[in-house]
N, C-alpha and C. Protein backbone atom coordinates (compact mmCIF):
# COMPACT_ATOMS: atom_id res chain seq x y z
N UNK A 1 50.75 -48.34 -5.33
CA UNK A 1 49.39 -47.74 -5.22
C UNK A 1 49.27 -46.71 -4.20
N UNK A 2 49.95 -46.97 -3.16
CA UNK A 2 49.97 -46.01 -1.94
C UNK A 2 50.55 -44.75 -2.31
N UNK A 3 51.56 -44.84 -2.92
CA UNK A 3 52.38 -43.58 -3.29
C UNK A 3 51.37 -42.77 -4.30
N UNK A 4 50.91 -43.43 -5.41
CA UNK A 4 50.03 -42.74 -6.47
C UNK A 4 48.78 -42.25 -5.78
N UNK A 5 48.12 -42.86 -4.61
CA UNK A 5 46.99 -42.35 -3.95
C UNK A 5 47.41 -41.00 -3.25
N UNK A 6 48.62 -41.06 -2.61
CA UNK A 6 49.01 -39.93 -1.85
C UNK A 6 49.23 -38.69 -2.77
N UNK A 7 49.60 -38.96 -3.94
CA UNK A 7 49.91 -37.87 -4.89
C UNK A 7 48.70 -37.57 -5.67
N UNK A 8 47.55 -38.23 -5.48
CA UNK A 8 46.34 -38.12 -6.22
C UNK A 8 46.59 -38.20 -7.72
N UNK A 9 47.27 -39.15 -8.04
CA UNK A 9 47.69 -39.44 -9.52
C UNK A 9 46.37 -39.89 -10.24
N UNK A 10 46.13 -39.39 -11.32
CA UNK A 10 44.89 -39.74 -12.06
C UNK A 10 44.95 -41.35 -12.48
N UNK A 11 43.83 -41.87 -12.68
CA UNK A 11 43.71 -43.32 -12.94
C UNK A 11 44.62 -43.58 -14.17
N UNK A 12 44.46 -42.79 -15.17
CA UNK A 12 45.24 -43.16 -16.46
C UNK A 12 46.84 -43.07 -16.10
N UNK A 13 47.29 -42.21 -15.23
CA UNK A 13 48.61 -42.04 -14.84
C UNK A 13 49.05 -43.26 -14.11
N UNK A 14 48.24 -43.79 -13.28
CA UNK A 14 48.40 -45.01 -12.59
C UNK A 14 48.64 -46.21 -13.49
N UNK A 15 47.88 -46.17 -14.69
CA UNK A 15 47.86 -47.18 -15.71
C UNK A 15 49.23 -47.13 -16.18
N UNK A 16 49.65 -45.93 -16.63
CA UNK A 16 50.98 -45.78 -17.40
C UNK A 16 52.25 -46.22 -16.38
N UNK A 17 51.98 -45.98 -15.19
CA UNK A 17 53.14 -46.56 -14.22
C UNK A 17 53.17 -48.09 -14.21
N UNK A 18 52.05 -48.60 -14.36
CA UNK A 18 51.99 -50.18 -14.47
C UNK A 18 52.34 -50.60 -15.75
N UNK A 19 52.65 -49.78 -16.61
CA UNK A 19 52.98 -50.20 -18.07
C UNK A 19 51.77 -50.46 -19.03
N UNK A 20 50.68 -49.89 -18.65
CA UNK A 20 49.44 -50.10 -19.39
C UNK A 20 48.94 -48.91 -20.07
N UNK A 21 49.98 -48.13 -20.60
CA UNK A 21 49.58 -46.89 -21.42
C UNK A 21 48.71 -47.13 -22.59
N UNK A 22 48.75 -48.38 -23.23
CA UNK A 22 47.83 -48.61 -24.40
C UNK A 22 46.52 -49.11 -23.93
N UNK A 23 46.17 -49.15 -22.77
CA UNK A 23 44.83 -49.63 -22.19
C UNK A 23 45.08 -50.88 -21.11
N UNK A 24 43.97 -51.01 -20.55
CA UNK A 24 44.13 -52.13 -19.43
C UNK A 24 43.59 -53.33 -20.10
N UNK A 25 44.43 -54.42 -19.95
CA UNK A 25 44.00 -55.80 -20.51
C UNK A 25 43.03 -56.43 -19.72
N UNK A 26 42.65 -57.49 -20.02
CA UNK A 26 41.59 -58.23 -19.32
C UNK A 26 42.30 -59.15 -18.29
N UNK A 27 43.65 -59.11 -18.31
CA UNK A 27 44.46 -60.05 -17.25
C UNK A 27 44.16 -59.40 -15.98
N UNK A 28 43.82 -60.41 -15.06
CA UNK A 28 43.53 -60.00 -13.60
C UNK A 28 44.44 -59.30 -12.91
N UNK A 29 45.90 -59.34 -13.20
CA UNK A 29 46.81 -58.61 -12.48
C UNK A 29 46.89 -57.19 -13.21
N UNK A 30 46.10 -56.80 -14.18
CA UNK A 30 46.03 -55.38 -14.68
C UNK A 30 44.63 -54.90 -14.29
N UNK A 31 43.54 -55.62 -14.55
CA UNK A 31 42.18 -55.12 -14.28
C UNK A 31 41.86 -54.84 -12.74
N UNK A 32 42.34 -55.76 -11.87
CA UNK A 32 41.99 -55.53 -10.58
C UNK A 32 42.62 -54.48 -9.79
N UNK A 33 44.10 -54.28 -9.86
CA UNK A 33 44.61 -53.23 -9.27
C UNK A 33 44.12 -51.74 -9.88
N UNK A 34 43.84 -51.67 -11.14
CA UNK A 34 43.38 -50.42 -11.69
C UNK A 34 41.86 -50.34 -11.25
N UNK A 35 40.98 -51.23 -11.10
CA UNK A 35 39.68 -51.03 -10.60
C UNK A 35 39.84 -50.73 -9.02
N UNK A 36 40.67 -51.38 -8.32
CA UNK A 36 40.82 -50.95 -6.90
C UNK A 36 41.27 -49.51 -6.66
N UNK A 37 42.39 -49.19 -7.56
CA UNK A 37 42.91 -47.80 -7.49
C UNK A 37 41.78 -46.75 -7.73
N UNK A 38 40.97 -46.88 -8.88
CA UNK A 38 39.85 -46.00 -9.32
C UNK A 38 39.00 -45.97 -8.22
N UNK A 39 38.57 -47.10 -7.39
CA UNK A 39 37.68 -47.12 -6.40
C UNK A 39 38.18 -46.33 -5.22
N UNK A 40 39.38 -46.56 -4.83
CA UNK A 40 39.98 -45.79 -3.68
C UNK A 40 40.14 -44.31 -3.96
N UNK A 41 40.53 -43.90 -5.16
CA UNK A 41 40.82 -42.53 -5.63
C UNK A 41 39.44 -41.82 -5.69
N UNK A 42 38.47 -42.30 -6.14
CA UNK A 42 37.28 -41.49 -6.43
C UNK A 42 36.15 -41.88 -5.45
N UNK A 43 36.38 -42.72 -4.42
CA UNK A 43 35.48 -43.06 -3.40
C UNK A 43 33.87 -42.98 -3.70
N UNK A 44 33.28 -41.95 -3.40
CA UNK A 44 31.72 -41.96 -3.58
C UNK A 44 31.37 -41.34 -4.99
N UNK A 45 32.27 -40.98 -5.77
CA UNK A 45 31.91 -40.32 -7.01
C UNK A 45 31.83 -41.27 -8.22
N UNK A 46 30.56 -41.98 -8.22
CA UNK A 46 30.39 -43.13 -9.21
C UNK A 46 30.71 -42.71 -10.65
N UNK A 47 30.16 -41.54 -11.00
CA UNK A 47 30.43 -40.98 -12.44
C UNK A 47 31.96 -40.71 -12.64
N UNK A 48 32.65 -40.16 -11.72
CA UNK A 48 34.00 -39.94 -11.85
C UNK A 48 34.92 -41.10 -11.93
N UNK A 49 34.60 -42.14 -11.02
CA UNK A 49 35.29 -43.42 -10.92
C UNK A 49 35.16 -44.23 -12.36
N UNK A 50 33.91 -44.34 -12.81
CA UNK A 50 33.73 -44.95 -14.02
C UNK A 50 34.26 -44.30 -15.21
N UNK A 51 34.08 -43.05 -15.29
CA UNK A 51 34.70 -42.24 -16.39
C UNK A 51 36.36 -42.41 -16.50
N UNK A 52 36.95 -42.32 -15.29
CA UNK A 52 38.34 -42.39 -15.15
C UNK A 52 38.78 -43.79 -15.68
N UNK A 53 38.20 -44.94 -15.23
CA UNK A 53 38.69 -46.18 -15.55
C UNK A 53 38.31 -46.50 -17.13
N UNK A 54 37.27 -45.99 -17.52
CA UNK A 54 36.85 -46.31 -18.95
C UNK A 54 37.79 -45.63 -19.85
N UNK A 55 38.13 -44.38 -19.44
CA UNK A 55 39.13 -43.52 -20.43
C UNK A 55 40.40 -44.08 -20.51
N UNK A 56 40.84 -45.04 -19.75
CA UNK A 56 41.98 -45.73 -19.86
C UNK A 56 42.11 -46.61 -21.03
N UNK A 57 40.93 -47.09 -21.66
CA UNK A 57 40.97 -47.91 -22.79
C UNK A 57 41.28 -49.31 -22.47
N UNK A 58 41.38 -50.08 -23.59
CA UNK A 58 41.63 -51.61 -23.31
C UNK A 58 40.42 -52.36 -23.20
N UNK A 59 40.43 -53.23 -22.22
CA UNK A 59 39.31 -54.16 -21.94
C UNK A 59 38.37 -53.42 -21.03
N UNK A 60 37.65 -52.34 -21.60
CA UNK A 60 36.86 -51.49 -20.64
C UNK A 60 35.76 -52.13 -20.04
N UNK A 61 35.06 -53.14 -20.68
CA UNK A 61 33.96 -53.82 -20.07
C UNK A 61 34.35 -54.43 -18.89
N UNK A 62 35.54 -55.30 -18.81
CA UNK A 62 35.85 -55.91 -17.70
C UNK A 62 36.30 -54.94 -16.54
N UNK A 63 37.01 -53.89 -16.84
CA UNK A 63 37.54 -52.96 -15.85
C UNK A 63 36.21 -52.34 -15.31
N UNK A 64 35.28 -51.90 -16.13
CA UNK A 64 34.05 -51.30 -15.61
C UNK A 64 33.22 -52.08 -14.82
N UNK A 65 33.22 -53.37 -15.07
CA UNK A 65 32.33 -54.43 -14.31
C UNK A 65 32.91 -54.62 -13.01
N UNK A 66 34.18 -54.73 -12.88
CA UNK A 66 34.71 -54.96 -11.70
C UNK A 66 34.57 -53.68 -10.78
N UNK A 67 34.98 -52.64 -11.23
CA UNK A 67 34.72 -51.26 -10.43
C UNK A 67 33.10 -51.19 -10.14
N UNK A 68 32.30 -51.42 -11.17
CA UNK A 68 30.82 -51.29 -10.78
C UNK A 68 30.35 -52.16 -9.66
N UNK A 69 31.00 -53.39 -9.68
CA UNK A 69 30.65 -54.34 -8.62
C UNK A 69 31.14 -53.78 -7.23
N UNK A 70 32.39 -53.27 -7.19
CA UNK A 70 32.68 -52.73 -5.87
C UNK A 70 31.99 -51.52 -5.50
N UNK A 71 31.62 -50.62 -6.48
CA UNK A 71 30.81 -49.44 -5.97
C UNK A 71 29.36 -49.97 -5.54
N UNK A 72 28.88 -50.87 -6.35
CA UNK A 72 27.60 -51.41 -6.03
C UNK A 72 27.44 -52.19 -4.71
N UNK A 73 28.54 -52.85 -4.41
CA UNK A 73 28.60 -53.60 -3.05
C UNK A 73 28.40 -52.54 -1.95
N UNK A 74 28.99 -51.25 -2.27
CA UNK A 74 29.00 -50.22 -1.30
C UNK A 74 27.71 -49.53 -1.22
N UNK A 75 26.75 -49.96 -2.05
CA UNK A 75 25.41 -49.25 -2.05
C UNK A 75 25.31 -47.94 -2.84
N UNK A 76 26.00 -48.01 -3.92
CA UNK A 76 26.23 -46.72 -4.77
C UNK A 76 25.11 -46.54 -5.83
N UNK A 77 24.10 -47.37 -5.86
CA UNK A 77 23.08 -47.39 -6.87
C UNK A 77 22.36 -45.93 -7.06
N UNK A 78 22.33 -45.33 -5.90
CA UNK A 78 21.74 -44.02 -5.96
C UNK A 78 22.62 -42.86 -6.62
N UNK A 79 23.85 -43.16 -6.70
CA UNK A 79 24.68 -42.21 -7.30
C UNK A 79 25.02 -42.44 -8.79
N UNK A 80 24.46 -43.45 -9.39
CA UNK A 80 24.51 -43.66 -10.92
C UNK A 80 23.74 -42.55 -11.62
N UNK A 81 24.46 -41.81 -12.34
CA UNK A 81 23.67 -40.74 -13.01
C UNK A 81 22.38 -41.17 -13.69
N UNK A 82 21.37 -40.49 -13.50
CA UNK A 82 20.02 -40.74 -13.95
C UNK A 82 19.97 -40.97 -15.49
N UNK A 83 20.84 -40.15 -16.14
CA UNK A 83 20.74 -40.38 -17.73
C UNK A 83 21.37 -41.63 -18.12
N UNK A 84 22.27 -42.24 -17.20
CA UNK A 84 22.92 -43.48 -17.63
C UNK A 84 21.89 -44.57 -17.41
N UNK A 85 21.08 -44.55 -16.27
CA UNK A 85 20.09 -45.60 -15.92
C UNK A 85 18.95 -45.47 -16.91
N UNK A 86 18.43 -44.24 -17.36
CA UNK A 86 17.35 -44.04 -18.40
C UNK A 86 17.82 -44.49 -19.71
N UNK A 87 19.09 -44.51 -20.08
CA UNK A 87 19.59 -45.02 -21.33
C UNK A 87 19.58 -46.56 -21.47
N UNK A 88 19.38 -47.24 -20.48
CA UNK A 88 19.57 -48.75 -20.46
C UNK A 88 18.41 -49.30 -21.20
N UNK A 89 18.72 -50.05 -22.31
CA UNK A 89 17.71 -50.76 -23.02
C UNK A 89 18.10 -52.28 -23.18
N UNK A 90 17.46 -53.18 -22.44
CA UNK A 90 17.90 -54.53 -22.39
C UNK A 90 16.65 -55.42 -22.41
N UNK A 91 15.68 -55.24 -23.50
CA UNK A 91 14.46 -55.83 -23.59
C UNK A 91 14.63 -57.41 -23.63
N UNK A 92 14.04 -58.29 -22.99
CA UNK A 92 12.79 -57.98 -22.26
C UNK A 92 13.06 -57.72 -20.89
N UNK A 93 14.28 -57.67 -20.49
CA UNK A 93 14.54 -57.27 -18.99
C UNK A 93 14.49 -55.80 -18.85
N UNK A 94 14.44 -55.26 -17.64
CA UNK A 94 14.37 -53.86 -17.36
C UNK A 94 14.88 -53.51 -16.09
N UNK A 95 15.08 -52.26 -15.87
CA UNK A 95 15.68 -51.85 -14.69
C UNK A 95 14.87 -52.24 -13.54
N UNK A 96 13.57 -52.15 -13.63
CA UNK A 96 12.65 -52.56 -12.58
C UNK A 96 12.87 -54.00 -12.22
N UNK A 97 13.02 -54.81 -13.22
CA UNK A 97 13.24 -56.26 -13.00
C UNK A 97 14.61 -56.58 -12.12
N UNK A 98 15.70 -55.79 -12.61
CA UNK A 98 16.86 -55.99 -11.89
C UNK A 98 16.68 -55.34 -10.45
N UNK A 99 15.95 -54.40 -10.13
CA UNK A 99 15.82 -53.77 -8.87
C UNK A 99 15.04 -54.79 -8.00
N UNK A 100 14.10 -55.57 -8.52
CA UNK A 100 13.21 -56.53 -7.93
C UNK A 100 14.12 -57.57 -7.59
N UNK A 101 14.97 -58.10 -8.50
CA UNK A 101 15.89 -59.12 -8.13
C UNK A 101 16.94 -58.76 -7.04
N UNK A 102 17.44 -57.50 -7.13
CA UNK A 102 18.33 -57.02 -6.02
C UNK A 102 17.63 -57.09 -4.57
N UNK A 103 16.29 -56.59 -4.67
CA UNK A 103 15.48 -56.53 -3.28
C UNK A 103 15.39 -58.01 -2.79
N UNK A 104 15.18 -58.86 -3.79
CA UNK A 104 14.83 -60.29 -3.40
C UNK A 104 16.08 -60.94 -2.84
N UNK A 105 17.34 -60.57 -3.55
CA UNK A 105 18.56 -61.18 -2.98
C UNK A 105 18.92 -60.53 -1.60
N UNK A 106 18.67 -59.26 -1.46
CA UNK A 106 18.92 -58.54 -0.27
C UNK A 106 18.29 -59.08 0.95
N UNK A 107 16.87 -59.52 0.81
CA UNK A 107 16.05 -59.90 1.79
C UNK A 107 16.06 -61.44 1.90
N UNK A 108 16.88 -62.10 1.15
CA UNK A 108 16.68 -63.66 1.04
C UNK A 108 16.86 -64.20 2.48
N UNK A 109 15.92 -65.18 2.67
CA UNK A 109 15.99 -65.85 3.84
C UNK A 109 16.49 -67.38 3.44
N UNK A 110 17.65 -67.56 4.00
CA UNK A 110 18.32 -68.86 3.56
C UNK A 110 17.58 -70.29 3.80
N UNK A 111 16.68 -70.10 4.74
CA UNK A 111 16.00 -71.37 5.14
C UNK A 111 14.73 -71.55 4.25
N UNK A 112 14.19 -70.42 3.60
CA UNK A 112 13.01 -70.67 2.74
C UNK A 112 13.46 -70.23 1.21
N UNK A 113 13.09 -70.99 0.40
CA UNK A 113 13.60 -70.47 -1.10
C UNK A 113 12.54 -69.54 -1.41
N UNK A 114 13.11 -68.41 -2.16
CA UNK A 114 12.41 -67.35 -2.66
C UNK A 114 11.69 -67.73 -3.84
N UNK A 115 10.67 -66.82 -4.11
CA UNK A 115 9.82 -67.00 -5.32
C UNK A 115 10.80 -66.59 -6.65
N UNK A 116 10.89 -67.43 -7.54
CA UNK A 116 11.85 -67.10 -8.72
C UNK A 116 11.28 -65.96 -9.43
N UNK A 117 12.25 -65.03 -9.95
CA UNK A 117 11.85 -63.81 -10.89
C UNK A 117 11.47 -64.49 -12.16
N UNK A 118 10.30 -63.94 -12.67
CA UNK A 118 9.69 -64.57 -13.89
C UNK A 118 10.30 -63.87 -15.16
N UNK A 119 10.65 -64.62 -16.17
CA UNK A 119 11.13 -63.93 -17.38
C UNK A 119 10.11 -64.46 -18.46
N UNK A 120 9.88 -63.53 -19.53
CA UNK A 120 8.97 -64.08 -20.55
C UNK A 120 10.01 -64.73 -21.43
N UNK A 121 10.07 -66.08 -21.32
CA UNK A 121 10.93 -66.84 -22.12
C UNK A 121 10.98 -66.75 -23.57
N UNK A 122 9.75 -66.72 -24.28
CA UNK A 122 9.98 -66.42 -25.73
C UNK A 122 10.66 -65.03 -26.25
N UNK A 123 10.39 -64.04 -25.51
CA UNK A 123 11.09 -62.90 -25.70
C UNK A 123 12.69 -62.96 -25.47
N UNK A 124 13.04 -63.63 -24.40
CA UNK A 124 14.44 -63.80 -24.21
C UNK A 124 15.08 -64.58 -25.30
N UNK A 125 14.34 -65.64 -25.78
CA UNK A 125 14.83 -66.38 -26.83
C UNK A 125 14.87 -65.55 -28.07
N UNK A 126 13.90 -64.79 -28.51
CA UNK A 126 13.97 -63.88 -29.70
C UNK A 126 15.13 -62.88 -29.53
N UNK A 127 15.34 -62.27 -28.41
CA UNK A 127 16.32 -61.27 -28.32
C UNK A 127 17.84 -62.07 -28.54
N UNK A 128 17.77 -63.20 -27.86
CA UNK A 128 19.25 -63.90 -28.15
C UNK A 128 19.40 -64.31 -29.64
N UNK A 129 18.37 -64.69 -30.35
CA UNK A 129 18.53 -65.10 -31.72
C UNK A 129 18.94 -63.71 -32.52
N UNK A 130 18.26 -62.62 -32.25
CA UNK A 130 18.83 -61.40 -32.87
C UNK A 130 20.26 -61.04 -32.71
N UNK A 131 20.62 -61.18 -31.37
CA UNK A 131 22.15 -61.02 -31.11
C UNK A 131 23.00 -61.90 -31.71
N UNK A 132 22.65 -63.21 -31.67
CA UNK A 132 23.42 -64.20 -32.40
C UNK A 132 23.60 -63.95 -33.80
N UNK A 133 22.54 -63.48 -34.41
CA UNK A 133 22.51 -63.05 -35.87
C UNK A 133 23.55 -61.90 -36.05
N UNK A 134 23.47 -60.88 -35.25
CA UNK A 134 24.43 -59.75 -35.38
C UNK A 134 25.90 -60.17 -35.25
N UNK A 135 26.08 -60.94 -34.25
CA UNK A 135 27.44 -61.46 -33.91
C UNK A 135 27.99 -62.22 -35.13
N UNK A 136 27.18 -63.12 -35.70
CA UNK A 136 27.64 -64.03 -36.73
C UNK A 136 27.88 -63.14 -38.01
N UNK A 137 27.02 -62.17 -38.32
CA UNK A 137 27.11 -61.38 -39.55
C UNK A 137 28.49 -60.54 -39.26
N UNK A 138 28.61 -59.99 -38.20
CA UNK A 138 29.91 -59.24 -37.99
C UNK A 138 31.20 -60.04 -38.10
N UNK A 139 31.04 -61.30 -37.71
CA UNK A 139 32.22 -62.31 -37.72
C UNK A 139 32.42 -62.59 -39.24
N UNK A 140 31.40 -62.91 -40.07
CA UNK A 140 31.61 -63.17 -41.46
C UNK A 140 32.08 -61.93 -42.25
N UNK A 141 31.62 -60.81 -41.86
CA UNK A 141 32.05 -59.57 -42.40
C UNK A 141 33.51 -59.38 -42.28
N UNK A 142 33.92 -59.79 -41.05
CA UNK A 142 35.42 -59.57 -40.79
C UNK A 142 36.34 -60.46 -41.59
N UNK A 143 35.77 -61.61 -42.11
CA UNK A 143 36.60 -62.65 -42.85
C UNK A 143 36.61 -62.11 -44.28
N UNK A 144 35.86 -61.34 -44.72
CA UNK A 144 35.98 -60.76 -46.14
C UNK A 144 37.24 -60.07 -46.28
N UNK A 145 37.85 -59.99 -47.41
CA UNK A 145 39.09 -59.12 -47.61
C UNK A 145 38.62 -57.70 -47.40
N UNK A 146 39.63 -56.87 -46.99
CA UNK A 146 39.34 -55.63 -46.55
C UNK A 146 38.71 -54.69 -47.65
N UNK A 147 39.20 -54.98 -49.03
CA UNK A 147 38.55 -54.11 -50.05
C UNK A 147 37.08 -54.39 -50.15
N UNK A 148 36.61 -55.65 -49.97
CA UNK A 148 35.20 -56.04 -50.01
C UNK A 148 34.48 -55.27 -48.90
N UNK A 149 35.07 -55.23 -47.76
CA UNK A 149 34.51 -54.50 -46.63
C UNK A 149 34.30 -53.15 -46.79
N UNK A 150 35.37 -52.47 -47.44
CA UNK A 150 35.29 -51.11 -47.57
C UNK A 150 34.27 -50.67 -48.71
N UNK A 151 34.13 -51.66 -49.64
CA UNK A 151 33.12 -51.31 -50.76
C UNK A 151 31.69 -51.56 -50.25
N UNK A 152 31.44 -52.45 -49.37
CA UNK A 152 30.12 -52.72 -48.74
C UNK A 152 29.81 -51.77 -47.77
N UNK A 153 30.72 -51.14 -46.93
CA UNK A 153 30.51 -50.15 -45.90
C UNK A 153 31.32 -48.91 -46.00
N UNK A 154 31.01 -48.02 -47.16
CA UNK A 154 31.96 -46.97 -47.26
C UNK A 154 31.66 -45.80 -46.20
N UNK A 155 32.63 -44.96 -46.04
CA UNK A 155 32.68 -44.06 -44.89
C UNK A 155 31.73 -42.96 -45.32
């Protein structure tokens, strides 16, 4: 890692040196070194760091989450591109709700319990039922023989 950082090797080049040319797996000995490398290489450039690690392929949600956590712990929220934040749709949750939660966690007094963040439970339940339906439909569709799938969903 040291040598790659000295040579300013891109993140995907570092992955290839680790034998991860086909993408970063979810294995901790793969994701963590690549996330740490992207963090050290790109420093304060949130968009550059995320773009670099996600372009490596593989288990991108895990790699991106680890890198995002490191950047977030450094206080990088203001450097997240506005168009990325504006594109988040996670009803009934919202960016404002997550910011309120972060503020509450940041100012937590360990001696006094904080006021819990309120969720509209019926909306969360409805959202989860919709997602469960999508996942189950996708799973059952994958069980169909490929010729049926191609006929149902032509290109």
